[in-house]
PDB file of N, CA and C in Angstrom:
ATOM      1  N   MET A   1       0.840  -1.196   0.000  1.00  0.00           N
ATOM      2  CA  MET A   1       0.000   0.000   0.000  1.00  0.00           C
ATOM      3  C   MET A   1       0.874   1.245   0.000  1.00  0.00           C
ATOM      4  N   THR A   2       1.579   1.460  -1.047  1.00  0.00           N
ATOM      5  CA  THR A   2       2.481   2.606  -1.103  1.00  0.00           C
ATOM      6  C   THR A   2       1.742   3.919  -1.273  1.00  0.00           C
ATOM      7  N   ASP A   3       0.545   3.887  -1.845  1.00  0.00           N
ATOM      8  CA  ASP A   3      -0.217   5.119  -2.044  1.00  0.00           C
ATOM      9  C   ASP A   3      -1.250   5.327  -0.935  1.00  0.00           C
ATOM     10  N   THR A   4      -0.973   4.808   0.237  1.00  0.00           N
ATOM     11  CA  THR A   4      -1.915   4.892   1.349  1.00  0.00           C
ATOM     12  C   THR A   4      -1.930   6.295   1.954  1.00  0.00           C
ATOM     13  N   ALA A   5      -3.127   6.848   2.046  1.00  0.00           N
ATOM     14  CA  ALA A   5      -3.333   8.121   2.738  1.00  0.00           C
ATOM     15  C   ALA A   5      -3.863   7.806   4.127  1.00  0.00           C
ATOM     16  N   SER A   6      -3.524   8.634   5.098  1.00  0.00           N
ATOM     17  CA  SER A   6      -3.964   8.401   6.470  1.00  0.00           C
ATOM     18  C   SER A   6      -4.365   9.721   7.108  1.00  0.00           C
ATOM     19  N   LYS A   7      -5.499   9.711   7.807  1.00  0.00           N
ATOM     20  CA  LYS A   7      -5.986  10.921   8.471  1.00  0.00           C
ATOM     21  C   LYS A   7      -6.462  10.585   9.882  1.00  0.00           C
ATOM     22  N   ARG A   8      -6.292  11.566  10.755  1.00  0.00           N
ATOM     23  CA  ARG A   8      -6.876  11.515  12.100  1.00  0.00           C
ATOM     24  C   ARG A   8      -7.873  12.654  12.167  1.00  0.00           C
ATOM     25  N   ILE A   9      -9.091  12.336  12.565  1.00  0.00           N
ATOM     26  CA  ILE A   9     -10.136  13.351  12.642  1.00  0.00           C
ATOM     27  C   ILE A   9     -10.786  13.293  14.017  1.00  0.00           C
ATOM     28  N   LEU A  10     -10.930  14.448  14.634  1.00  0.00           N
ATOM     29  CA  LEU A  10     -11.665  14.570  15.885  1.00  0.00           C
ATOM     30  C   LEU A  10     -13.013  15.195  15.561  1.00  0.00           C
ATOM     31  N   TYR A  11     -14.073  14.502  15.949  1.00  0.00           N
ATOM     32  CA  TYR A  11     -15.431  15.006  15.749  1.00  0.00           C
ATOM     33  C   TYR A  11     -15.978  15.504  17.083  1.00  0.00           C
ATOM     34  N   ARG A  12     -16.590  16.678  17.044  1.00  0.00           N
ATOM     35  CA  ARG A  12     -17.232  17.264  18.218  1.00  0.00           C
ATOM     36  C   ARG A  12     -18.717  17.441  17.925  1.00  0.00           C
ATOM     37  N   GLY A  13     -19.495  17.492  18.979  1.00  0.00           N
ATOM     38  CA  GLY A  13     -20.928  17.679  18.835  1.00  0.00           C
ATOM     39  C   GLY A  13     -21.659  16.617  19.622  1.00  0.00           C
ATOM     40  N   GLN A  14     -22.793  16.196  19.098  1.00  0.00           N
ATOM     41  CA  GLN A  14     -23.583  15.138  19.736  1.00  0.00           C
ATOM     42  C   GLN A  14     -23.113  13.802  19.146  1.00  0.00           C
ATOM     43  N   VAL A  15     -21.873  13.416  19.482  1.00  0.00           N
ATOM     44  CA  VAL A  15     -21.243  12.269  18.836  1.00  0.00           C
ATOM     45  C   VAL A  15     -21.027  11.070  19.765  1.00  0.00           C
ATOM     46  N   GLN A  16     -21.407  11.206  21.036  1.00  0.00           N
ATOM     47  CA  GLN A  16     -21.307  10.067  21.945  1.00  0.00           C
ATOM     48  C   GLN A  16     -22.697   9.706  22.452  1.00  0.00           C
ATOM     49  N   ASN A  17     -22.894   8.407  22.677  1.00  0.00           N
ATOM     50  CA  ASN A  17     -24.165   7.860  23.180  1.00  0.00           C
ATOM     51  C   ASN A  17     -25.312   8.021  22.185  1.00  0.00           C
ATOM     52  N   VAL A  18     -24.972   8.053  20.893  1.00  0.00           N
ATOM     53  CA  VAL A  18     -26.004   8.153  19.850  1.00  0.00           C
ATOM     54  C   VAL A  18     -25.767   7.126  18.734  1.00  0.00           C
ATOM     55  N   GLY A  19     -24.844   6.190  18.934  1.00  0.00           N
ATOM     56  CA  GLY A  19     -24.550   5.189  17.911  1.00  0.00           C
ATOM     57  C   GLY A  19     -23.612   5.688  16.828  1.00  0.00           C
ATOM     58  N   PHE A  20     -22.928   6.779  17.079  1.00  0.00           N
ATOM     59  CA  PHE A  20     -22.046   7.379  16.070  1.00  0.00           C
ATOM     60  C   PHE A  20     -20.981   6.388  15.605  1.00  0.00           C
ATOM     61  N   ARG A  21     -20.285   5.749  16.540  1.00  0.00           N
ATOM     62  CA  ARG A  21     -19.194   4.827  16.173  1.00  0.00           C
ATOM     63  C   ARG A  21     -19.721   3.637  15.371  1.00  0.00           C
ATOM     64  N   LYS A  22     -20.866   3.106  15.777  1.00  0.00           N
ATOM     65  CA  LYS A  22     -21.444   1.962  15.044  1.00  0.00           C
ATOM     66  C   LYS A  22     -21.840   2.366  13.633  1.00  0.00           C
ATOM     67  N   ARG A  23     -22.310   3.581  13.472  1.00  0.00           N
ATOM     68  CA  ARG A  23     -22.693   4.052  12.146  1.00  0.00           C
ATOM     69  C   ARG A  23     -21.458   4.295  11.278  1.00  0.00           C
ATOM     70  N   VAL A  24     -20.375   4.803  11.892  1.00  0.00           N
ATOM     71  CA  VAL A  24     -19.120   4.957  11.150  1.00  0.00           C
ATOM     72  C   VAL A  24     -18.605   3.586  10.711  1.00  0.00           C
ATOM     73  N   LEU A  25     -18.683   2.599  11.599  1.00  0.00           N
ATOM     74  CA  LEU A  25     -18.265   1.235  11.260  1.00  0.00           C
ATOM     75  C   LEU A  25     -19.087   0.698  10.097  1.00  0.00           C
ATOM     76  N   ALA A  26     -20.390   0.911  10.130  1.00  0.00           N
ATOM     77  CA  ALA A  26     -21.259   0.456   9.041  1.00  0.00           C
ATOM     78  C   ALA A  26     -20.893   1.139   7.723  1.00  0.00           C
ATOM     79  N   ILE A  27     -20.622   2.434   7.757  1.00  0.00           N
ATOM     80  CA  ILE A  27     -20.223   3.171   6.554  1.00  0.00           C
ATOM     81  C   ILE A  27     -18.918   2.602   6.007  1.00  0.00           C
ATOM     82  N   SER A  28     -18.012   2.224   6.890  1.00  0.00           N
ATOM     83  CA  SER A  28     -16.690   1.728   6.461  1.00  0.00           C
ATOM     84  C   SER A  28     -16.788   0.469   5.605  1.00  0.00           C
ATOM     85  N   THR A  29     -17.854  -0.308   5.760  1.00  0.00           N
ATOM     86  CA  THR A  29     -17.969  -1.557   5.000  1.00  0.00           C
ATOM     87  C   THR A  29     -18.114  -1.317   3.504  1.00  0.00           C
ATOM     88  N   GLY A  30     -18.481  -0.102   3.112  1.00  0.00           N
ATOM     89  CA  GLY A  30     -18.616   0.228   1.701  1.00  0.00           C
ATOM     90  C   GLY A  30     -17.335   0.728   1.056  1.00  0.00           C
ATOM     91  N   PHE A  31     -16.256   0.756   1.825  1.00  0.00           N
ATOM     92  CA  PHE A  31     -14.998   1.311   1.332  1.00  0.00           C
ATOM     93  C   PHE A  31     -13.829   0.440   1.767  1.00  0.00           C
ATOM     94  N   LYS A  32     -12.748   0.497   1.017  1.00  0.00           N
ATOM     95  CA  LYS A  32     -11.525  -0.200   1.399  1.00  0.00           C
ATOM     96  C   LYS A  32     -10.710   0.744   2.275  1.00  0.00           C
ATOM     97  N   VAL A  33     -11.147   0.873   3.528  1.00  0.00           N
ATOM     98  CA  VAL A  33     -10.466   1.711   4.506  1.00  0.00           C
ATOM     99  C   VAL A  33     -10.159   0.874   5.737  1.00  0.00           C
ATOM    100  N   TYR A  34      -9.169   1.313   6.459  1.00  0.00           N
ATOM    101  CA  TYR A  34      -8.694   0.580   7.626  1.00  0.00           C
ATOM    102  C   TYR A  34      -8.451   1.584   8.743  1.00  0.00           C
ATOM    103  N   GLY A  35      -8.610   1.153   9.990  1.00  0.00           N
ATOM    104  CA  GLY A  35      -8.339   2.056  11.102  1.00  0.00           C
ATOM    105  C   GLY A  35      -9.231   1.797  12.284  1.00  0.00           C
ATOM    106  N   ILE A  36      -9.443   2.857  13.069  1.00  0.00           N
ATOM    107  CA  ILE A  36     -10.227   2.758  14.301  1.00  0.00           C
ATOM    108  C   ILE A  36     -11.118   3.974  14.465  1.00  0.00           C
ATOM    109  N   VAL A  37     -12.165   3.785  15.254  1.00  0.00           N
ATOM    110  CA  VAL A  37     -13.002   4.889  15.712  1.00  0.00           C
ATOM    111  C   VAL A  37     -13.237   4.636  17.193  1.00  0.00           C
ATOM    112  N   ARG A  38     -13.103   5.696  18.009  1.00  0.00           N
ATOM    113  CA  ARG A  38     -13.269   5.506  19.451  1.00  0.00           C
ATOM    114  C   ARG A  38     -13.713   6.795  20.119  1.00  0.00           C
ATOM    115  N   ASN A  39     -14.381   6.632  21.273  1.00  0.00           N
ATOM    116  CA  ASN A  39     -14.756   7.767  22.099  1.00  0.00           C
ATOM    117  C   ASN A  39     -13.539   8.230  22.880  1.00  0.00           C
ATOM    118  N   LEU A  40     -13.459   9.539  23.100  1.00  0.00           N
ATOM    119  CA  LEU A  40     -12.430  10.109  23.958  1.00  0.00           C
ATOM    120  C   LEU A  40     -13.092  10.654  25.224  1.00  0.00           C
ATOM    121  N   SER A  41     -12.342  10.745  26.288  1.00  0.00           N
ATOM    122  CA  SER A  41     -12.885  11.240  27.554  1.00  0.00           C
ATOM    123  C   SER A  41     -13.305  12.703  27.470  1.00  0.00           C
ATOM    124  N   THR A  42     -12.870  13.413  26.432  1.00  0.00           N
ATOM    125  CA  THR A  42     -13.221  14.824  26.226  1.00  0.00           C
ATOM    126  C   THR A  42     -14.625  15.004  25.652  1.00  0.00           C
ATOM    127  N   GLY A  43     -15.279  13.888  25.283  1.00  0.00           N
ATOM    128  CA  GLY A  43     -16.595  13.969  24.649  1.00  0.00           C
ATOM    129  C   GLY A  43     -16.515  13.947  23.141  1.00  0.00           C
ATOM    130  N   GLU A  44     -15.313  13.906  22.606  1.00  0.00           N
ATOM    131  CA  GLU A  44     -15.111  13.843  21.160  1.00  0.00           C
ATOM    132  C   GLU A  44     -15.040  12.379  20.722  1.00  0.00           C
ATOM    133  N   VAL A  45     -15.161  12.185  19.409  1.00  0.00           N
ATOM    134  CA  VAL A  45     -14.902  10.880  18.798  1.00  0.00           C
ATOM    135  C   VAL A  45     -13.679  11.030  17.915  1.00  0.00           C
ATOM    136  N   GLU A  46     -12.733  10.118  18.069  1.00  0.00           N
ATOM    137  CA  GLU A  46     -11.519  10.111  17.265  1.00  0.00           C
ATOM    138  C   GLU A  46     -11.641   9.041  16.188  1.00  0.00           C
ATOM    139  N   LEU A  47     -11.322   9.426  14.968  1.00  0.00           N
ATOM    140  CA  LEU A  47     -11.284   8.515  13.832  1.00  0.00           C
ATOM    141  C   LEU A  47      -9.874   8.545  13.261  1.00  0.00           C
ATOM    142  N   VAL A  48      -9.257   7.390  13.140  1.00  0.00           N
ATOM    143  CA  VAL A  48      -7.993   7.265  12.428  1.00  0.00           C
ATOM    144  C   VAL A  48      -8.288   6.301  11.289  1.00  0.00           C
ATOM    145  N   ALA A  49      -8.182   6.789  10.061  1.00  0.00           N
ATOM    146  CA  ALA A  49      -8.543   5.974   8.901  1.00  0.00           C
ATOM    147  C   ALA A  49      -7.497   6.122   7.815  1.00  0.00           C
ATOM    148  N   GLU A  50      -7.298   5.032   7.094  1.00  0.00           N
ATOM    149  CA  GLU A  50      -6.331   5.051   6.006  1.00  0.00           C
ATOM    150  C   GLU A  50      -6.786   4.146   4.885  1.00  0.00           C
ATOM    151  N   GLY A  51      -6.251   4.442   3.705  1.00  0.00           N
ATOM    152  CA  GLY A  51      -6.567   3.695   2.506  1.00  0.00           C
ATOM    153  C   GLY A  51      -6.138   4.515   1.301  1.00  0.00           C
ATOM    154  N   ALA A  52      -6.459   4.017   0.122  1.00  0.00           N
ATOM    155  CA  ALA A  52      -6.181   4.792  -1.082  1.00  0.00           C
ATOM    156  C   ALA A  52      -6.930   6.120  -0.974  1.00  0.00           C
ATOM    157  N   LEU A  53      -6.349   7.181  -1.495  1.00  0.00           N
ATOM    158  CA  LEU A  53      -6.903   8.513  -1.316  1.00  0.00           C
ATOM    159  C   LEU A  53      -8.379   8.600  -1.725  1.00  0.00           C
ATOM    160  N   GLY A  54      -8.745   8.038  -2.855  1.00  0.00           N
ATOM    161  CA  GLY A  54     -10.139   8.093  -3.302  1.00  0.00           C
ATOM    162  C   GLY A  54     -11.086   7.371  -2.359  1.00  0.00           C
ATOM    163  N   GLU A  55     -10.669   6.219  -1.861  1.00  0.00           N
ATOM    164  CA  GLU A  55     -11.480   5.455  -0.904  1.00  0.00           C
ATOM    165  C   GLU A  55     -11.644   6.241   0.392  1.00  0.00           C
ATOM    166  N   LEU A  56     -10.550   6.804   0.883  1.00  0.00           N
ATOM    167  CA  LEU A  56     -10.589   7.561   2.132  1.00  0.00           C
ATOM    168  C   LEU A  56     -11.475   8.793   1.992  1.00  0.00           C
ATOM    169  N   GLU A  57     -11.332   9.516   0.896  1.00  0.00           N
ATOM    170  CA  GLU A  57     -12.164  10.702   0.679  1.00  0.00           C
ATOM    171  C   GLU A  57     -13.638  10.338   0.581  1.00  0.00           C
ATOM    172  N   GLY A  58     -13.948   9.244  -0.118  1.00  0.00           N
ATOM    173  CA  GLY A  58     -15.335   8.804  -0.224  1.00  0.00           C
ATOM    174  C   GLY A  58     -15.924   8.426   1.124  1.00  0.00           C
ATOM    175  N   PHE A  59     -15.144   7.734   1.928  1.00  0.00           N
ATOM    176  CA  PHE A  59     -15.556   7.329   3.276  1.00  0.00           C
ATOM    177  C   PHE A  59     -15.855   8.552   4.136  1.00  0.00           C
ATOM    178  N   LEU A  60     -14.954   9.510   4.146  1.00  0.00           N
ATOM    179  CA  LEU A  60     -15.142  10.712   4.954  1.00  0.00           C
ATOM    180  C   LEU A  60     -16.330  11.537   4.464  1.00  0.00           C
ATOM    181  N   LYS A  61     -16.538  11.561   3.161  1.00  0.00           N
ATOM    182  CA  LYS A  61     -17.686  12.279   2.607  1.00  0.00           C
ATOM    183  C   LYS A  61     -18.999  11.636   3.073  1.00  0.00           C
ATOM    184  N   GLN A  62     -19.041  10.297   3.082  1.00  0.00           N
ATOM    185  CA  GLN A  62     -20.246   9.606   3.541  1.00  0.00           C
ATOM    186  C   GLN A  62     -20.516   9.864   5.018  1.00  0.00           C
ATOM    187  N   ILE A  63     -19.457   9.905   5.826  1.00  0.00           N
ATOM    188  CA  ILE A  63     -19.640  10.236   7.243  1.00  0.00           C
ATOM    189  C   ILE A  63     -20.274  11.613   7.362  1.00  0.00           C
ATOM    190  N   SER A  64     -19.762  12.578   6.627  1.00  0.00           N
ATOM    191  CA  SER A  64     -20.315  13.942   6.672  1.00  0.00           C
ATOM    192  C   SER A  64     -21.762  13.973   6.215  1.00  0.00           C
ATOM    193  N   GLN A  65     -22.069  13.246   5.141  1.00  0.00           N
ATOM    194  CA  GLN A  65     -23.427  13.259   4.613  1.00  0.00           C
ATOM    195  C   GLN A  65     -24.411  12.572   5.553  1.00  0.00           C
ATOM    196  N   GLN A  66     -24.022  11.442   6.125  1.00  0.00           N
ATOM    197  CA  GLN A  66     -24.949  10.669   6.945  1.00  0.00           C
ATOM    198  C   GLN A  66     -24.998  11.103   8.404  1.00  0.00           C
ATOM    199  N   LEU A  67     -23.897  11.647   8.910  1.00  0.00           N
ATOM    200  CA  LEU A  67     -23.822  11.976  10.334  1.00  0.00           C
ATOM    201  C   LEU A  67     -23.570  13.455  10.607  1.00  0.00           C
ATOM    202  N   GLY A  68     -23.560  14.258   9.561  1.00  0.00           N
ATOM    203  CA  GLY A  68     -23.271  15.676   9.707  1.00  0.00           C
ATOM    204  C   GLY A  68     -24.185  16.404  10.673  1.00  0.00           C
ATOM    205  N   HIS A  69     -25.426  15.938  10.796  1.00  0.00           N
ATOM    206  CA  HIS A  69     -26.361  16.583  11.718  1.00  0.00           C
ATOM    207  C   HIS A  69     -25.958  16.405  13.183  1.00  0.00           C
ATOM    208  N   LEU A  70     -25.062  15.458  13.473  1.00  0.00           N
ATOM    209  CA  LEU A  70     -24.580  15.230  14.834  1.00  0.00           C
ATOM    210  C   LEU A  70     -23.253  15.938  15.114  1.00  0.00           C
ATOM    211  N   ILE A  71     -22.586  16.382  14.051  1.00  0.00           N
ATOM    212  CA  ILE A  71     -21.244  16.949  14.159  1.00  0.00           C
ATOM    213  C   ILE A  71     -21.327  18.469  14.176  1.00  0.00           C
ATOM    214  N   SER A  72     -20.780  19.078  15.230  1.00  0.00           N
ATOM    215  CA  SER A  72     -20.755  20.545  15.276  1.00  0.00           C
ATOM    216  C   SER A  72     -19.419  21.088  14.775  1.00  0.00           C
ATOM    217  N   ALA A  73     -18.362  20.275  14.888  1.00  0.00           N
ATOM    218  CA  ALA A  73     -17.039  20.693  14.416  1.00  0.00           C
ATOM    219  C   ALA A  73     -16.182  19.451  14.224  1.00  0.00           C
ATOM    220  N   SER A  74     -15.192  19.582  13.356  1.00  0.00           N
ATOM    221  CA  SER A  74     -14.231  18.497  13.188  1.00  0.00           C
ATOM    222  C   SER A  74     -12.867  19.103  12.891  1.00  0.00           C
ATOM    223  N   GLN A  75     -11.859  18.358  13.271  1.00  0.00           N
ATOM    224  CA  GLN A  75     -10.477  18.794  13.059  1.00  0.00           C
ATOM    225  C   GLN A  75      -9.726  17.620  12.452  1.00  0.00           C
ATOM    226  N   ALA A  76      -9.150  17.821  11.269  1.00  0.00           N
ATOM    227  CA  ALA A  76      -8.466  16.737  10.564  1.00  0.00           C
ATOM    228  C   ALA A  76      -6.983  17.041  10.419  1.00  0.00           C
ATOM    229  N   GLU A  77      -6.196  15.997  10.455  1.00  0.00           N
ATOM    230  CA  GLU A  77      -4.766  16.123  10.197  1.00  0.00           C
ATOM    231  C   GLU A  77      -4.286  14.884   9.460  1.00  0.00           C
ATOM    232  N   ASP A  78      -3.333  15.088   8.569  1.00  0.00           N
ATOM    233  CA  ASP A  78      -2.707  13.963   7.880  1.00  0.00           C
ATOM    234  C   ASP A  78      -1.801  13.238   8.858  1.00  0.00           C
ATOM    235  N   ARG A  79      -1.729  11.926   8.696  1.00  0.00           N
ATOM    236  CA  ARG A  79      -0.896  11.099   9.566  1.00  0.00           C
ATOM    237  C   ARG A  79      -0.044  10.171   8.724  1.00  0.00           C
ATOM    238  N   GLN A  80       0.984   9.639   9.331  1.00  0.00           N
ATOM    239  CA  GLN A  80       1.763   8.587   8.683  1.00  0.00           C
ATOM    240  C   GLN A  80       0.964   7.293   8.810  1.00  0.00           C
ATOM    241  N   ALA A  81       0.878   6.537   7.740  1.00  0.00           N
ATOM    242  CA  ALA A  81       0.091   5.303   7.738  1.00  0.00           C
ATOM    243  C   ALA A  81       0.634   4.311   8.754  1.00  0.00           C
ATOM    244  N   GLN A  82      -0.294   3.665   9.462  1.00  0.00           N
ATOM    245  CA  GLN A  82       0.053   2.628  10.434  1.00  0.00           C
ATOM    246  C   GLN A  82      -0.222   1.237   9.870  1.00  0.00           C
ATOM    247  N   PHE A  83      -0.875   1.180   8.713  1.00  0.00           N
ATOM    248  CA  PHE A  83      -1.192  -0.075   8.026  1.00  0.00           C
ATOM    249  C   PHE A  83      -2.021  -1.020   8.899  1.00  0.00           C
ATOM    250  N   PHE A  84      -3.176  -0.502   9.338  1.00  0.00           N
ATOM    251  CA  PHE A  84      -4.148  -1.305  10.071  1.00  0.00           C
ATOM    252  C   PHE A  84      -4.584  -2.487   9.204  1.00  0.00           C
ATOM    253  N   GLN A  85      -5.015  -3.550   9.843  1.00  0.00           N
ATOM    254  CA  GLN A  85      -5.460  -4.749   9.122  1.00  0.00           C
ATOM    255  C   GLN A  85      -6.961  -4.759   8.868  1.00  0.00           C
ATOM    256  N   ASP A  86      -7.705  -3.917   9.594  1.00  0.00           N
ATOM    257  CA  ASP A  86      -9.155  -3.870   9.447  1.00  0.00           C
ATOM    258  C   ASP A  86      -9.644  -2.504   9.924  1.00  0.00           C
ATOM    259  N   PHE A  87     -10.954  -2.347   9.960  1.00  0.00           N
ATOM    260  CA  PHE A  87     -11.543  -1.148  10.543  1.00  0.00           C
ATOM    261  C   PHE A  87     -12.424  -1.607  11.687  1.00  0.00           C
ATOM    262  N   HIS A  88     -12.248  -1.019  12.867  1.00  0.00           N
ATOM    263  CA  HIS A  88     -13.025  -1.472  14.012  1.00  0.00           C
ATOM    264  C   HIS A  88     -13.223  -0.355  15.039  1.00  0.00           C
ATOM    265  N   ILE A  89     -14.161  -0.608  15.931  1.00  0.00           N
ATOM    266  CA  ILE A  89     -14.391   0.274  17.067  1.00  0.00           C
ATOM    267  C   ILE A  89     -13.412  -0.135  18.145  1.00  0.00           C
ATOM    268  N   GLU A  90     -12.705   0.841  18.683  1.00  0.00           N
ATOM    269  CA  GLU A  90     -11.797   0.567  19.790  1.00  0.00           C
ATOM    270  C   GLU A  90     -12.480   1.025  21.066  1.00  0.00           C
ATOM    271  N   TYR A  91     -12.563   0.130  22.021  1.00  0.00           N
ATOM    272  CA  TYR A  91     -13.236   0.437  23.294  1.00  0.00           C
ATOM    273  C   TYR A  91     -12.232   0.763  24.369  1.00  0.00           C
TER     274      TYR A  91
END
């Protein structure tokens, strides 16, 4: 995966205790993306996702389209790929 793009995104808003992580996991099944989604003690949800740039962009776009009503703000940064083996919820 030499062309792997990787991003870390913090989502703020009504993103905990509403099934946000499970919905992100469900969205991930439509894309070749790998990584984790987890709640943070700050009330934010952290997403670390990687894959081919087009797959990653499509995945993030679907999150915005389907869950945007729960998100009040997000902060994204590029990351070095960790080469996850799957996409899962981290507890």
